[in-house]
Amino acid sequence: MQLIRRRRFPVDHYVLVDEGRAMPAAQLVAEARRRAESLAQTCTGDRESFTLIHNGAGIARRALPHVHIICARSRRQKALIYLFMGLKNLLPQPRDPA
């Protein structure tokens, strides 16, 4: 399990990755929620100011199950992160070095 901070977004954004693929999806989301509450309290001062986006291995750029944790202070910030993530996913997928 690895928690990664994404600095390229103007909103506090983290990704919890199940590198070993050992957790069932429900357990991964539960762990992400537990961490999200703590991160949101630190980032925004409100334990409830977060959004979770669960990605299974089949739809991710890297075939690892993960959950995006977005700590947003407003609906506008939440919309901004969805926009940036959508635009990022429109870009061509980078090739793995062979």
PDB file of N, CA and C in Angstrom:
ATOM      1  N   MET A   1       0.848  -1.171   0.000  1.00  0.00           N
ATOM      2  CA  MET A   1       0.000   0.000   0.000  1.00  0.00           C
ATOM      3  C   MET A   1       0.895   1.236   0.000  1.00  0.00           C
ATOM      4  N   GLN A   2       0.639   2.143  -0.915  1.00  0.00           N
ATOM      5  CA  GLN A   2       1.449   3.356  -0.996  1.00  0.00           C
ATOM      6  C   GLN A   2       0.542   4.562  -1.191  1.00  0.00           C
ATOM      7  N   LEU A   3       0.801   5.618  -0.425  1.00  0.00           N
ATOM      8  CA  LEU A   3       0.079   6.877  -0.568  1.00  0.00           C
ATOM      9  C   LEU A   3       0.995   7.863  -1.289  1.00  0.00           C
ATOM     10  N   ILE A   4       0.527   8.370  -2.429  1.00  0.00           N
ATOM     11  CA  ILE A   4       1.333   9.273  -3.260  1.00  0.00           C
ATOM     12  C   ILE A   4       0.645  10.630  -3.313  1.00  0.00           C
ATOM     13  N   ARG A   5       1.390  11.694  -3.110  1.00  0.00           N
ATOM     14  CA  ARG A   5       0.839  13.036  -3.245  1.00  0.00           C
ATOM     15  C   ARG A   5       1.090  13.525  -4.662  1.00  0.00           C
ATOM     16  N   ARG A   6       0.030  13.958  -5.320  1.00  0.00           N
ATOM     17  CA  ARG A   6       0.136  14.505  -6.673  1.00  0.00           C
ATOM     18  C   ARG A   6       0.232  16.016  -6.560  1.00  0.00           C
ATOM     19  N   ARG A   7       1.338  16.593  -6.989  1.00  0.00           N
ATOM     20  CA  ARG A   7       1.560  18.029  -6.851  1.00  0.00           C
ATOM     21  C   ARG A   7       1.165  18.817  -8.088  1.00  0.00           C
ATOM     22  N   ARG A   8       0.804  18.161  -9.162  1.00  0.00           N
ATOM     23  CA  ARG A   8       0.527  18.889 -10.397  1.00  0.00           C
ATOM     24  C   ARG A   8      -0.851  19.537 -10.420  1.00  0.00           C
ATOM     25  N   PHE A   9      -1.686  19.262  -9.472  1.00  0.00           N
ATOM     26  CA  PHE A   9      -3.023  19.841  -9.416  1.00  0.00           C
ATOM     27  C   PHE A   9      -3.055  20.985  -8.401  1.00  0.00           C
ATOM     28  N   PRO A  10      -3.899  21.977  -8.623  1.00  0.00           N
ATOM     29  CA  PRO A  10      -3.989  23.093  -7.673  1.00  0.00           C
ATOM     30  C   PRO A  10      -4.811  22.754  -6.430  1.00  0.00           C
ATOM     31  N   VAL A  11      -5.264  21.516  -6.337  1.00  0.00           N
ATOM     32  CA  VAL A  11      -6.061  21.049  -5.197  1.00  0.00           C
ATOM     33  C   VAL A  11      -5.277  19.921  -4.540  1.00  0.00           C
ATOM     34  N   ASP A  12      -5.401  19.766  -3.209  1.00  0.00           N
ATOM     35  CA  ASP A  12      -4.703  18.675  -2.523  1.00  0.00           C
ATOM     36  C   ASP A  12      -5.231  17.346  -3.047  1.00  0.00           C
ATOM     37  N   HIS A  13      -4.348  16.553  -3.641  1.00  0.00           N
ATOM     38  CA  HIS A  13      -4.735  15.334  -4.335  1.00  0.00           C
ATOM     39  C   HIS A  13      -3.732  14.236  -4.011  1.00  0.00           C
ATOM     40  N   TYR A  14      -4.248  13.107  -3.566  1.00  0.00           N
ATOM     41  CA  TYR A  14      -3.420  11.957  -3.206  1.00  0.00           C
ATOM     42  C   TYR A  14      -3.952  10.730  -3.925  1.00  0.00           C
ATOM     43  N   VAL A  15      -3.095   9.733  -4.080  1.00  0.00           N
ATOM     44  CA  VAL A  15      -3.509   8.462  -4.668  1.00  0.00           C
ATOM     45  C   VAL A  15      -3.022   7.346  -3.743  1.00  0.00           C
ATOM     46  N   LEU A  16      -3.961   6.488  -3.336  1.00  0.00           N
ATOM     47  CA  LEU A  16      -3.630   5.316  -2.538  1.00  0.00           C
ATOM     48  C   LEU A  16      -3.584   4.125  -3.493  1.00  0.00           C
ATOM     49  N   VAL A  17      -2.402   3.524  -3.645  1.00  0.00           N
ATOM     50  CA  VAL A  17      -2.191   2.448  -4.619  1.00  0.00           C
ATOM     51  C   VAL A  17      -1.987   1.130  -3.881  1.00  0.00           C
ATOM     52  N   ASP A  18      -2.700   0.114  -4.334  1.00  0.00           N
ATOM     53  CA  ASP A  18      -2.532  -1.244  -3.809  1.00  0.00           C
ATOM     54  C   ASP A  18      -1.530  -1.970  -4.700  1.00  0.00           C
ATOM     55  N   GLU A  19      -0.242  -1.755  -4.419  1.00  0.00           N
ATOM     56  CA  GLU A  19       0.817  -2.287  -5.276  1.00  0.00           C
ATOM     57  C   GLU A  19       0.855  -3.812  -5.310  1.00  0.00           C
ATOM     58  N   GLY A  20       0.498  -4.430  -4.202  1.00  0.00           N
ATOM     59  CA  GLY A  20       0.535  -5.882  -4.148  1.00  0.00           C
ATOM     60  C   GLY A  20      -0.742  -6.541  -4.628  1.00  0.00           C
ATOM     61  N   ARG A  21      -1.751  -5.713  -4.947  1.00  0.00           N
ATOM     62  CA  ARG A  21      -3.065  -6.220  -5.362  1.00  0.00           C
ATOM     63  C   ARG A  21      -3.612  -7.222  -4.362  1.00  0.00           C
ATOM     64  N   ALA A  22      -3.326  -6.972  -3.086  1.00  0.00           N
ATOM     65  CA  ALA A  22      -3.691  -7.926  -2.045  1.00  0.00           C
ATOM     66  C   ALA A  22      -5.057  -7.644  -1.427  1.00  0.00           C
ATOM     67  N   MET A  23      -5.557  -6.427  -1.541  1.00  0.00           N
ATOM     68  CA  MET A  23      -6.805  -6.052  -0.872  1.00  0.00           C
ATOM     69  C   MET A  23      -8.002  -6.198  -1.788  1.00  0.00           C
ATOM     70  N   PRO A  24      -9.100  -6.700  -1.246  1.00  0.00           N
ATOM     71  CA  PRO A  24     -10.351  -6.629  -2.007  1.00  0.00           C
ATOM     72  C   PRO A  24     -10.751  -5.158  -2.183  1.00  0.00           C
ATOM     73  N   ALA A  25     -11.522  -4.858  -3.225  1.00  0.00           N
ATOM     74  CA  ALA A  25     -11.892  -3.476  -3.544  1.00  0.00           C
ATOM     75  C   ALA A  25     -12.548  -2.770  -2.361  1.00  0.00           C
ATOM     76  N   ALA A  26     -13.447  -3.436  -1.659  1.00  0.00           N
ATOM     77  CA  ALA A  26     -14.148  -2.811  -0.531  1.00  0.00           C
ATOM     78  C   ALA A  26     -13.175  -2.422   0.582  1.00  0.00           C
ATOM     79  N   GLN A  27     -12.181  -3.252   0.822  1.00  0.00           N
ATOM     80  CA  GLN A  27     -11.190  -2.950   1.857  1.00  0.00           C
ATOM     81  C   GLN A  27     -10.294  -1.791   1.427  1.00  0.00           C
ATOM     82  N   LEU A  28      -9.943  -1.737   0.138  1.00  0.00           N
ATOM     83  CA  LEU A  28      -9.126  -0.634  -0.378  1.00  0.00           C
ATOM     84  C   LEU A  28      -9.866   0.695  -0.227  1.00  0.00           C
ATOM     85  N   VAL A  29     -11.144   0.711  -0.556  1.00  0.00           N
ATOM     86  CA  VAL A  29     -11.940   1.937  -0.430  1.00  0.00           C
ATOM     87  C   VAL A  29     -12.087   2.326   1.041  1.00  0.00           C
ATOM     88  N   ALA A  30     -12.280   1.350   1.926  1.00  0.00           N
ATOM     89  CA  ALA A  30     -12.395   1.641   3.361  1.00  0.00           C
ATOM     90  C   ALA A  30     -11.099   2.252   3.899  1.00  0.00           C
ATOM     91  N   GLU A  31      -9.963   1.715   3.471  1.00  0.00           N
ATOM     92  CA  GLU A  31      -8.669   2.272   3.891  1.00  0.00           C
ATOM     93  C   GLU A  31      -8.486   3.673   3.326  1.00  0.00           C
ATOM     94  N   ALA A  32      -8.888   3.886   2.084  1.00  0.00           N
ATOM     95  CA  ALA A  32      -8.786   5.215   1.475  1.00  0.00           C
ATOM     96  C   ALA A  32      -9.662   6.214   2.231  1.00  0.00           C
ATOM     97  N   ARG A  33     -10.857   5.808   2.617  1.00  0.00           N
ATOM     98  CA  ARG A  33     -11.742   6.711   3.365  1.00  0.00           C
ATOM     99  C   ARG A  33     -11.125   7.097   4.713  1.00  0.00           C
ATOM    100  N   ARG A  34     -10.547   6.112   5.394  1.00  0.00           N
ATOM    101  CA  ARG A  34      -9.902   6.389   6.682  1.00  0.00           C
ATOM    102  C   ARG A  34      -8.775   7.415   6.507  1.00  0.00           C
ATOM    103  N   ARG A  35      -7.959   7.223   5.483  1.00  0.00           N
ATOM    104  CA  ARG A  35      -6.862   8.165   5.234  1.00  0.00           C
ATOM    105  C   ARG A  35      -7.385   9.513   4.751  1.00  0.00           C
ATOM    106  N   ALA A  36      -8.446   9.492   3.947  1.00  0.00           N
ATOM    107  CA  ALA A  36      -9.020  10.733   3.405  1.00  0.00           C
ATOM    108  C   ALA A  36      -9.527  11.637   4.514  1.00  0.00           C
ATOM    109  N   GLU A  37     -10.175  11.064   5.523  1.00  0.00           N
ATOM    110  CA  GLU A  37     -10.678  11.878   6.629  1.00  0.00           C
ATOM    111  C   GLU A  37      -9.544  12.598   7.341  1.00  0.00           C
ATOM    112  N   SER A  38      -8.451  11.893   7.558  1.00  0.00           N
ATOM    113  CA  SER A  38      -7.288  12.502   8.215  1.00  0.00           C
ATOM    114  C   SER A  38      -6.650  13.567   7.331  1.00  0.00           C
ATOM    115  N   LEU A  39      -6.476  13.264   6.037  1.00  0.00           N
ATOM    116  CA  LEU A  39      -5.883  14.234   5.115  1.00  0.00           C
ATOM    117  C   LEU A  39      -6.763  15.473   4.963  1.00  0.00           C
ATOM    118  N   ALA A  40      -8.069  15.278   4.862  1.00  0.00           N
ATOM    119  CA  ALA A  40      -8.988  16.414   4.713  1.00  0.00           C
ATOM    120  C   ALA A  40      -8.940  17.310   5.949  1.00  0.00           C
ATOM    121  N   GLN A  41      -8.849  16.710   7.130  1.00  0.00           N
ATOM    122  CA  GLN A  41      -8.754  17.506   8.357  1.00  0.00           C
ATOM    123  C   GLN A  41      -7.496  18.372   8.324  1.00  0.00           C
ATOM    124  N   THR A  42      -6.394  17.789   7.875  1.00  0.00           N
ATOM    125  CA  THR A  42      -5.128  18.521   7.788  1.00  0.00           C
ATOM    126  C   THR A  42      -5.175  19.604   6.710  1.00  0.00           C
ATOM    127  N   CYS A  43      -5.716  19.269   5.537  1.00  0.00           N
ATOM    128  CA  CYS A  43      -5.691  20.180   4.378  1.00  0.00           C
ATOM    129  C   CYS A  43      -6.742  21.280   4.459  1.00  0.00           C
ATOM    130  N   THR A  44      -7.940  20.934   4.921  1.00  0.00           N
ATOM    131  CA  THR A  44      -9.054  21.880   4.850  1.00  0.00           C
ATOM    132  C   THR A  44      -9.627  22.263   6.208  1.00  0.00           C
ATOM    133  N   GLY A  45      -9.267  21.505   7.248  1.00  0.00           N
ATOM    134  CA  GLY A  45      -9.846  21.768   8.564  1.00  0.00           C
ATOM    135  C   GLY A  45     -11.208  21.118   8.754  1.00  0.00           C
ATOM    136  N   ASP A  46     -11.650  20.318   7.777  1.00  0.00           N
ATOM    137  CA  ASP A  46     -12.954  19.653   7.836  1.00  0.00           C
ATOM    138  C   ASP A  46     -12.781  18.204   7.390  1.00  0.00           C
ATOM    139  N   ARG A  47     -13.069  17.255   8.271  1.00  0.00           N
ATOM    140  CA  ARG A  47     -12.899  15.827   7.969  1.00  0.00           C
ATOM    141  C   ARG A  47     -13.779  15.349   6.823  1.00  0.00           C
ATOM    142  N   GLU A  48     -14.812  16.086   6.480  1.00  0.00           N
ATOM    143  CA  GLU A  48     -15.764  15.667   5.458  1.00  0.00           C
ATOM    144  C   GLU A  48     -15.493  16.287   4.077  1.00  0.00           C
ATOM    145  N   SER A  49     -14.454  17.084   3.932  1.00  0.00           N
ATOM    146  CA  SER A  49     -14.181  17.788   2.665  1.00  0.00           C
ATOM    147  C   SER A  49     -13.257  16.982   1.765  1.00  0.00           C
ATOM    148  N   PHE A  50     -13.752  15.856   1.298  1.00  0.00           N
ATOM    149  CA  PHE A  50     -12.956  15.031   0.396  1.00  0.00           C
ATOM    150  C   PHE A  50     -13.868  14.285  -0.570  1.00  0.00           C
ATOM    151  N   THR A  51     -13.262  13.840  -1.668  1.00  0.00           N
ATOM    152  CA  THR A  51     -13.925  13.008  -2.664  1.00  0.00           C
ATOM    153  C   THR A  51     -13.019  11.820  -2.937  1.00  0.00           C
ATOM    154  N   LEU A  52     -13.610  10.643  -3.080  1.00  0.00           N
ATOM    155  CA  LEU A  52     -12.860   9.443  -3.440  1.00  0.00           C
ATOM    156  C   LEU A  52     -13.255   9.009  -4.845  1.00  0.00           C
ATOM    157  N   ILE A  53     -12.272   8.622  -5.641  1.00  0.00           N
ATOM    158  CA  ILE A  53     -12.522   8.053  -6.964  1.00  0.00           C
ATOM    159  C   ILE A  53     -11.769   6.728  -7.016  1.00  0.00           C
ATOM    160  N   HIS A  54     -12.521   5.631  -7.076  1.00  0.00           N
ATOM    161  CA  HIS A  54     -11.914   4.298  -7.102  1.00  0.00           C
ATOM    162  C   HIS A  54     -11.702   3.856  -8.543  1.00  0.00           C
ATOM    163  N   ASN A  55     -10.484   3.437  -8.862  1.00  0.00           N
ATOM    164  CA  ASN A  55     -10.159   2.904 -10.185  1.00  0.00           C
ATOM    165  C   ASN A  55      -9.671   1.474 -10.037  1.00  0.00           C
ATOM    166  N   GLY A  56     -10.339   0.572 -10.711  1.00  0.00           N
ATOM    167  CA  GLY A  56      -9.870  -0.805 -10.746  1.00  0.00           C
ATOM    168  C   GLY A  56      -8.700  -0.922 -11.702  1.00  0.00           C
ATOM    169  N   ALA A  57      -8.028  -2.050 -11.660  1.00  0.00           N
ATOM    170  CA  ALA A  57      -6.834  -2.250 -12.485  1.00  0.00           C
ATOM    171  C   ALA A  57      -7.144  -2.196 -13.974  1.00  0.00           C
ATOM    172  N   GLY A  58      -8.351  -2.568 -14.376  1.00  0.00           N
ATOM    173  CA  GLY A  58      -8.691  -2.641 -15.785  1.00  0.00           C
ATOM    174  C   GLY A  58      -8.830  -1.303 -16.484  1.00  0.00           C
ATOM    175  N   ILE A  59      -9.080  -0.216 -15.740  1.00  0.00           N
ATOM    176  CA  ILE A  59      -9.271   1.087 -16.383  1.00  0.00           C
ATOM    177  C   ILE A  59      -8.194   2.096 -16.018  1.00  0.00           C
ATOM    178  N   ALA A  60      -7.155   1.636 -15.381  1.00  0.00           N
ATOM    179  CA  ALA A  60      -6.082   2.536 -14.954  1.00  0.00           C
ATOM    180  C   ALA A  60      -4.952   2.549 -15.984  1.00  0.00           C
ATOM    181  N   ARG A  61      -4.199   3.635 -16.014  1.00  0.00           N
ATOM    182  CA  ARG A  61      -3.020   3.696 -16.901  1.00  0.00           C
ATOM    183  C   ARG A  61      -2.023   2.614 -16.515  1.00  0.00           C
ATOM    184  N   ARG A  62      -1.783   2.499 -15.216  1.00  0.00           N
ATOM    185  CA  ARG A  62      -0.975   1.385 -14.712  1.00  0.00           C
ATOM    186  C   ARG A  62      -1.951   0.378 -14.143  1.00  0.00           C
ATOM    187  N   ALA A  63      -1.754  -0.878 -14.430  1.00  0.00           N
ATOM    188  CA  ALA A  63      -2.715  -1.905 -14.040  1.00  0.00           C
ATOM    189  C   ALA A  63      -2.641  -2.226 -12.550  1.00  0.00           C
ATOM    190  N   LEU A  64      -2.863  -1.210 -11.733  1.00  0.00           N
ATOM    191  CA  LEU A  64      -2.887  -1.389 -10.285  1.00  0.00           C
ATOM    192  C   LEU A  64      -4.155  -0.741  -9.735  1.00  0.00           C
ATOM    193  N   PRO A  65      -4.882  -1.442  -8.877  1.00  0.00           N
ATOM    194  CA  PRO A  65      -6.055  -0.825  -8.255  1.00  0.00           C
ATOM    195  C   PRO A  65      -5.613   0.368  -7.407  1.00  0.00           C
ATOM    196  N   HIS A  66      -6.368   1.466  -7.495  1.00  0.00           N
ATOM    197  CA  HIS A  66      -6.019   2.638  -6.705  1.00  0.00           C
ATOM    198  C   HIS A  66      -7.247   3.508  -6.466  1.00  0.00           C
ATOM    199  N   VAL A  67      -7.111   4.397  -5.487  1.00  0.00           N
ATOM    200  CA  VAL A  67      -8.178   5.331  -5.142  1.00  0.00           C
ATOM    201  C   VAL A  67      -7.587   6.728  -5.111  1.00  0.00           C
ATOM    202  N   HIS A  68      -8.211   7.654  -5.829  1.00  0.00           N
ATOM    203  CA  HIS A  68      -7.828   9.061  -5.764  1.00  0.00           C
ATOM    204  C   HIS A  68      -8.520   9.676  -4.556  1.00  0.00           C
ATOM    205  N   ILE A  69      -7.768  10.426  -3.763  1.00  0.00           N
ATOM    206  CA  ILE A  69      -8.296  11.156  -2.610  1.00  0.00           C
ATOM    207  C   ILE A  69      -8.119  12.635  -2.918  1.00  0.00           C
ATOM    208  N   ILE A  70      -9.218  13.337  -3.047  1.00  0.00           N
ATOM    209  CA  ILE A  70      -9.189  14.750  -3.401  1.00  0.00           C
ATOM    210  C   ILE A  70      -9.745  15.546  -2.230  1.00  0.00           C
ATOM    211  N   CYS A  71      -8.924  16.403  -1.662  1.00  0.00           N
ATOM    212  CA  CYS A  71      -9.341  17.251  -0.540  1.00  0.00           C
ATOM    213  C   CYS A  71      -9.684  18.626  -1.105  1.00  0.00           C
ATOM    214  N   ALA A  72     -10.962  18.878  -1.261  1.00  0.00           N
ATOM    215  CA  ALA A  72     -11.418  20.128  -1.874  1.00  0.00           C
ATOM    216  C   ALA A  72     -12.181  20.965  -0.859  1.00  0.00           C
ATOM    217  N   ARG A  73     -11.967  22.266  -0.915  1.00  0.00           N
ATOM    218  CA  ARG A  73     -12.635  23.188  -0.005  1.00  0.00           C
ATOM    219  C   ARG A  73     -13.979  23.669  -0.553  1.00  0.00           C
ATOM    220  N   SER A  74     -14.218  23.441  -1.856  1.00  0.00           N
ATOM    221  CA  SER A  74     -15.456  23.931  -2.471  1.00  0.00           C
ATOM    222  C   SER A  74     -15.835  23.049  -3.663  1.00  0.00           C
ATOM    223  N   ARG A  75     -17.051  23.244  -4.139  1.00  0.00           N
ATOM    224  CA  ARG A  75     -17.511  22.524  -5.331  1.00  0.00           C
ATOM    225  C   ARG A  75     -16.698  22.942  -6.548  1.00  0.00           C
ATOM    226  N   ARG A  76     -16.276  24.189  -6.577  1.00  0.00           N
ATOM    227  CA  ARG A  76     -15.466  24.690  -7.691  1.00  0.00           C
ATOM    228  C   ARG A  76     -14.133  23.939  -7.766  1.00  0.00           C
ATOM    229  N   GLN A  77     -13.482  23.749  -6.632  1.00  0.00           N
ATOM    230  CA  GLN A  77     -12.230  23.000  -6.618  1.00  0.00           C
ATOM    231  C   GLN A  77     -12.460  21.552  -7.045  1.00  0.00           C
ATOM    232  N   LYS A  78     -13.560  20.970  -6.588  1.00  0.00           N
ATOM    233  CA  LYS A  78     -13.889  19.599  -6.971  1.00  0.00           C
ATOM    234  C   LYS A  78     -14.090  19.504  -8.486  1.00  0.00           C
ATOM    235  N   ALA A  79     -14.801  20.451  -9.068  1.00  0.00           N
ATOM    236  CA  ALA A  79     -15.021  20.469 -10.515  1.00  0.00           C
ATOM    237  C   ALA A  79     -13.701  20.630 -11.261  1.00  0.00           C
ATOM    238  N   LEU A  80     -12.810  21.454 -10.721  1.00  0.00           N
ATOM    239  CA  LEU A  80     -11.513  21.679 -11.347  1.00  0.00           C
ATOM    240  C   LEU A  80     -10.697  20.397 -11.399  1.00  0.00           C
ATOM    241  N   ILE A  81     -10.696  19.626 -10.335  1.00  0.00           N
ATOM    242  CA  ILE A  81      -9.919  18.390 -10.321  1.00  0.00           C
ATOM    243  C   ILE A  81     -10.502  17.374 -11.303  1.00  0.00           C
ATOM    244  N   TYR A  82     -11.833  17.303 -11.405  1.00  0.00           N
ATOM    245  CA  TYR A  82     -12.453  16.411 -12.396  1.00  0.00           C
ATOM    246  C   TYR A  82     -12.054  16.829 -13.808  1.00  0.00           C
ATOM    247  N   LEU A  83     -12.025  18.121 -14.071  1.00  0.00           N
ATOM    248  CA  LEU A  83     -11.633  18.627 -15.387  1.00  0.00           C
ATOM    249  C   LEU A  83     -10.192  18.237 -15.709  1.00  0.00           C
ATOM    250  N   PHE A  84      -9.278  18.489 -14.773  1.00  0.00           N
ATOM    251  CA  PHE A  84      -7.868  18.160 -15.001  1.00  0.00           C
ATOM    252  C   PHE A  84      -7.667  16.659 -15.189  1.00  0.00           C
ATOM    253  N   MET A  85      -8.348  15.849 -14.393  1.00  0.00           N
ATOM    254  CA  MET A  85      -8.192  14.397 -14.533  1.00  0.00           C
ATOM    255  C   MET A  85      -8.753  13.924 -15.876  1.00  0.00           C
ATOM    256  N   GLY A  86      -9.864  14.503 -16.290  1.00  0.00           N
ATOM    257  CA  GLY A  86     -10.435  14.142 -17.578  1.00  0.00           C
ATOM    258  C   GLY A  86      -9.515  14.514 -18.727  1.00  0.00           C
ATOM    259  N   LEU A  87      -8.945  15.706 -18.667  1.00  0.00           N
ATOM    260  CA  LEU A  87      -8.016  16.143 -19.717  1.00  0.00           C
ATOM    261  C   LEU A  87      -6.765  15.262 -19.745  1.00  0.00           C
ATOM    262  N   LYS A  88      -6.270  14.902 -18.574  1.00  0.00           N
ATOM    263  CA  LYS A  88      -5.080  14.047 -18.490  1.00  0.00           C
ATOM    264  C   LYS A  88      -5.356  12.703 -19.151  1.00  0.00           C
ATOM    265  N   ASN A  89      -6.563  12.177 -18.965  1.00  0.00           N
ATOM    266  CA  ASN A  89      -6.898  10.883 -19.531  1.00  0.00           C
ATOM    267  C   ASN A  89      -7.160  10.929 -21.034  1.00  0.00           C
ATOM    268  N   LEU A  90      -7.294  12.118 -21.614  1.00  0.00           N
ATOM    269  CA  LEU A  90      -7.429  12.240 -23.055  1.00  0.00           C
ATOM    270  C   LEU A  90      -6.079  12.185 -23.763  1.00  0.00           C
ATOM    271  N   LEU A  91      -5.001  12.461 -23.030  1.00  0.00           N
ATOM    272  CA  LEU A  91      -3.663  12.433 -23.612  1.00  0.00           C
ATOM    273  C   LEU A  91      -3.264  10.999 -23.961  1.00  0.00           C
ATOM    274  N   PRO A  92      -2.402  10.814 -24.960  1.00  0.00           N
ATOM    275  CA  PRO A  92      -1.944   9.465 -25.292  1.00  0.00           C
ATOM    276  C   PRO A  92      -1.249   8.830 -24.096  1.00  0.00           C
ATOM    277  N   GLN A  93      -1.459   7.546 -23.953  1.00  0.00           N
ATOM    278  CA  GLN A  93      -0.844   6.820 -22.849  1.00  0.00           C
ATOM    279  C   GLN A  93       0.637   6.648 -23.111  1.00  0.00           C
ATOM    280  N   PRO A  94       1.502   6.969 -22.115  1.00  0.00           N
ATOM    281  CA  PRO A  94       2.944   6.792 -22.325  1.00  0.00           C
ATOM    282  C   PRO A  94       3.288   5.299 -22.470  1.00  0.00           C
ATOM    283  N   ARG A  95       4.269   5.026 -23.287  1.00  0.00           N
ATOM    284  CA  ARG A  95       4.694   3.640 -23.494  1.00  0.00           C
ATOM    285  C   ARG A  95       5.667   3.231 -22.413  1.00  0.00           C
ATOM    286  N   ASP A  96       5.542   1.972 -21.981  1.00  0.00           N
ATOM    287  CA  ASP A  96       6.502   1.425 -21.022  1.00  0.00           C
ATOM    288  C   ASP A  96       7.799   1.133 -21.738  1.00  0.00           C
ATOM    289  N   PRO A  97       8.944   1.499 -21.135  1.00  0.00           N
ATOM    290  CA  PRO A  97      10.222   1.189 -21.782  1.00  0.00           C
ATOM    291  C   PRO A  97      10.418  -0.319 -21.875  1.00  0.00           C
ATOM    292  N   ALA A  98      10.850  -0.771 -23.007  1.00  0.00           N
ATOM    293  CA  ALA A  98      11.010  -2.227 -23.213  1.00  0.00           C
ATOM    294  C   ALA A  98      12.434  -2.656 -22.921  1.00  0.00           C
TER     295      ALA A  98
END
